[in-house]
Amino acid sequence: MAIALAGALVVPLAVNATAVIIIDAAPPAPPVYEQMPARQGYIITPGYYRYEADRREPTWVKGDYLAERRGEHYVGSEWRARDGKYHFDEGRWEKKDGK
C-alpha cells in the first residue's frame, strides 16, 4: 500500500473554501468499522481515510457526532473514482428536498 501511494499525485484546488484532493492510487478499502452509540439530537458522521500529502499515506479519521439540522441530511466524506483518479468529496449537509 505504501509503495502504491508513494507515487500518488495530490492536487489541492480551492472550491467554495474547501480543498479538493485528487490522487492516483485508491485509498484503502474496506473502511474501519466503528460502533458509536446513538445520542439524542445528534447524527453520527462516518469515519473516512484522509490522505496525508506530507507523509504520502492515508490515515483514518474517526467518525464523530454533529448536531442534527432540521430539513437537512448529512452526506459523509468519501473517495470516488473519476477519470482514472480518486477524488475526495468532503462531508457536507444537504437539504432533504435535494435543493
C-alpha atoms as a PDB file:
ATOM      1  CA  MET A   1       0.000   0.000   0.000  1.00  0.00           C
ATOM      2  CA  ALA A   2       2.710   2.492   0.950  1.00  0.00           C
ATOM      3  CA  ILE A   3       4.519   1.806  -2.314  1.00  0.00           C
ATOM      4  CA  ALA A   4       1.357   2.356  -4.362  1.00  0.00           C
ATOM      5  CA  LEU A   5       0.641   5.644  -2.626  1.00  0.00           C
ATOM      6  CA  ALA A   6       4.231   6.843  -2.747  1.00  0.00           C
ATOM      7  CA  GLY A   7       3.692   7.890  -6.359  1.00  0.00           C
ATOM      8  CA  ALA A   8       0.290   9.412  -5.713  1.00  0.00           C
ATOM      9  CA  LEU A   9      -0.410  12.846  -7.060  1.00  0.00           C
ATOM     10  CA  VAL A  10      -2.165  15.276  -4.733  1.00  0.00           C
ATOM     11  CA  VAL A  11      -3.801  18.284  -6.298  1.00  0.00           C
ATOM     12  CA  PRO A  12      -5.388  20.687  -3.814  1.00  0.00           C
ATOM     13  CA  LEU A  13      -7.870  23.003  -5.520  1.00  0.00           C
ATOM     14  CA  ALA A  14      -9.888  25.775  -3.914  1.00  0.00           C
ATOM     15  CA  VAL A  15     -13.597  25.147  -4.424  1.00  0.00           C
ATOM     16  CA  ASN A  16     -16.039  27.063  -2.254  1.00  0.00           C
ATOM     17  CA  ALA A  17     -13.434  27.392   0.517  1.00  0.00           C
ATOM     18  CA  THR A  18     -12.854  23.627   0.689  1.00  0.00           C
ATOM     19  CA  ALA A  19      -9.888  21.725  -0.696  1.00  0.00           C
ATOM     20  CA  VAL A  20     -10.361  19.079  -3.364  1.00  0.00           C
ATOM     21  CA  ILE A  21      -7.872  16.226  -3.096  1.00  0.00           C
ATOM     22  CA  ILE A  22      -7.094  14.084  -6.149  1.00  0.00           C
ATOM     23  CA  ILE A  23      -4.719  11.112  -6.006  1.00  0.00           C
ATOM     24  CA  ASP A  24      -3.642   8.431  -8.484  1.00  0.00           C
ATOM     25  CA  ALA A  25      -3.901   5.446  -6.109  1.00  0.00           C
ATOM     26  CA  ALA A  26      -7.088   4.167  -4.495  1.00  0.00           C
ATOM     27  CA  PRO A  27      -7.461   4.715  -0.754  1.00  0.00           C
ATOM     28  CA  PRO A  28      -7.598   1.597   1.421  1.00  0.00           C
ATOM     29  CA  ALA A  29     -10.762  -0.452   1.439  1.00  0.00           C
ATOM     30  CA  PRO A  30     -12.707  -1.519   3.411  1.00  0.00           C
ATOM     31  CA  PRO A  31     -13.218   1.316   5.879  1.00  0.00           C
ATOM     32  CA  VAL A  32     -12.684   0.791   9.596  1.00  0.00           C
ATOM     33  CA  TYR A  33     -15.846  -0.339  11.383  1.00  0.00           C
ATOM     34  CA  GLU A  34     -16.724   1.910  14.306  1.00  0.00           C
ATOM     35  CA  GLN A  35     -19.516   1.310  16.773  1.00  0.00           C
ATOM     36  CA  MET A  36     -20.824   4.528  18.298  1.00  0.00           C
ATOM     37  CA  PRO A  37     -23.911   4.771  20.494  1.00  0.00           C
ATOM     38  CA  ALA A  38     -26.757   6.979  19.272  1.00  0.00           C
ATOM     39  CA  ARG A  39     -27.142  10.349  21.018  1.00  0.00           C
ATOM     40  CA  GLN A  40     -30.395  12.311  21.175  1.00  0.00           C
ATOM     41  CA  GLY A  41     -30.271  15.348  18.839  1.00  0.00           C
ATOM     42  CA  TYR A  42     -27.097  14.246  17.032  1.00  0.00           C
ATOM     43  CA  ILE A  43     -26.164  12.289  13.921  1.00  0.00           C
ATOM     44  CA  ILE A  44     -23.074  10.130  13.603  1.00  0.00           C
ATOM     45  CA  THR A  45     -20.730  11.109  10.800  1.00  0.00           C
ATOM     46  CA  PRO A  46     -18.931   8.081   9.381  1.00  0.00           C
ATOM     47  CA  GLY A  47     -15.163   7.845   9.544  1.00  0.00           C
ATOM     48  CA  TYR A  48     -13.048   8.079   6.392  1.00  0.00           C
ATOM     49  CA  TYR A  49      -9.492   7.893   5.101  1.00  0.00           C
ATOM     50  CA  ARG A  50      -7.734  11.239   4.724  1.00  0.00           C
ATOM     51  CA  TYR A  51      -4.678  11.389   2.508  1.00  0.00           C
ATOM     52  CA  GLU A  52      -1.659  12.861   4.313  1.00  0.00           C
ATOM     53  CA  ALA A  53       0.274  14.556   1.497  1.00  0.00           C
ATOM     54  CA  ASP A  54       3.406  15.199   3.555  1.00  0.00           C
ATOM     55  CA  ARG A  55       3.592  11.537   4.608  1.00  0.00           C
ATOM     56  CA  ARG A  56       2.144  10.264   1.298  1.00  0.00           C
ATOM     57  CA  GLU A  57      -0.192   7.842   3.013  1.00  0.00           C
ATOM     58  CA  PRO A  58      -3.800   7.605   4.136  1.00  0.00           C
ATOM     59  CA  THR A  59      -4.797   7.914   7.789  1.00  0.00           C
ATOM     60  CA  TRP A  60      -8.130   7.004   9.339  1.00  0.00           C
ATOM     61  CA  VAL A  61     -10.291   9.868  10.655  1.00  0.00           C
ATOM     62  CA  LYS A  62     -12.723   8.583  13.270  1.00  0.00           C
ATOM     63  CA  GLY A  63     -16.438   9.194  12.982  1.00  0.00           C
ATOM     64  CA  ASP A  64     -17.930  11.939  15.122  1.00  0.00           C
ATOM     65  CA  TYR A  65     -21.197  13.437  16.334  1.00  0.00           C
ATOM     66  CA  LEU A  66     -22.793  16.517  14.730  1.00  0.00           C
ATOM     67  CA  ALA A  67     -25.894  18.303  15.968  1.00  0.00           C
ATOM     68  CA  GLU A  68     -28.898  17.470  13.787  1.00  0.00           C
ATOM     69  CA  ARG A  69     -30.067  20.116  11.327  1.00  0.00           C
ATOM     70  CA  ARG A  70     -33.783  20.306  10.699  1.00  0.00           C
ATOM     71  CA  GLY A  71     -34.596  19.932   6.985  1.00  0.00           C
ATOM     72  CA  GLU A  72     -31.100  18.673   6.095  1.00  0.00           C
ATOM     73  CA  HIS A  73     -29.280  15.357   5.913  1.00  0.00           C
ATOM     74  CA  TYR A  74     -25.567  14.673   6.162  1.00  0.00           C
ATOM     75  CA  VAL A  75     -23.619  13.160   3.247  1.00  0.00           C
ATOM     76  CA  GLY A  76     -20.443  11.538   4.555  1.00  0.00           C
ATOM     77  CA  SER A  77     -16.927  12.103   3.230  1.00  0.00           C
ATOM     78  CA  GLU A  78     -15.915   9.649   0.528  1.00  0.00           C
ATOM     79  CA  TRP A  79     -13.439   8.876  -2.216  1.00  0.00           C
ATOM     80  CA  ARG A  80     -14.818   8.494  -5.757  1.00  0.00           C
ATOM     81  CA  ALA A  81     -13.073   7.175  -8.856  1.00  0.00           C
ATOM     82  CA  ARG A  82     -13.290   9.641 -11.771  1.00  0.00           C
ATOM     83  CA  ASP A  83     -11.223   9.777 -14.932  1.00  0.00           C
ATOM     84  CA  GLY A  84      -8.665   7.253 -13.642  1.00  0.00           C
ATOM     85  CA  LYS A  85      -8.004   9.231 -10.447  1.00  0.00           C
ATOM     86  CA  TYR A  86      -9.536   9.258  -6.956  1.00  0.00           C
ATOM     87  CA  HIS A  87     -11.307  12.416  -5.825  1.00  0.00           C
ATOM     88  CA  PHE A  88     -12.092  13.156  -2.191  1.00  0.00           C
ATOM     89  CA  ASP A  89     -15.552  14.587  -1.560  1.00  0.00           C
ATOM     90  CA  GLU A  90     -15.699  16.182   1.878  1.00  0.00           C
ATOM     91  CA  GLY A  91     -18.740  15.502   4.076  1.00  0.00           C
ATOM     92  CA  ARG A  92     -21.479  18.108   3.874  1.00  0.00           C
ATOM     93  CA  TRP A  93     -25.036  18.969   4.789  1.00  0.00           C
ATOM     94  CA  GLU A  94     -27.686  18.963   2.032  1.00  0.00           C
ATOM     95  CA  LYS A  95     -31.332  19.998   2.010  1.00  0.00           C
ATOM     96  CA  LYS A  96     -33.632  16.982   2.271  1.00  0.00           C
ATOM     97  CA  ASP A  97     -35.529  18.003  -0.858  1.00  0.00           C
ATOM     98  CA  GLY A  98     -32.241  17.890  -2.824  1.00  0.00           C
ATOM     99  CA  LYS A  99     -32.005  21.624  -3.449  1.00  0.00           C
END
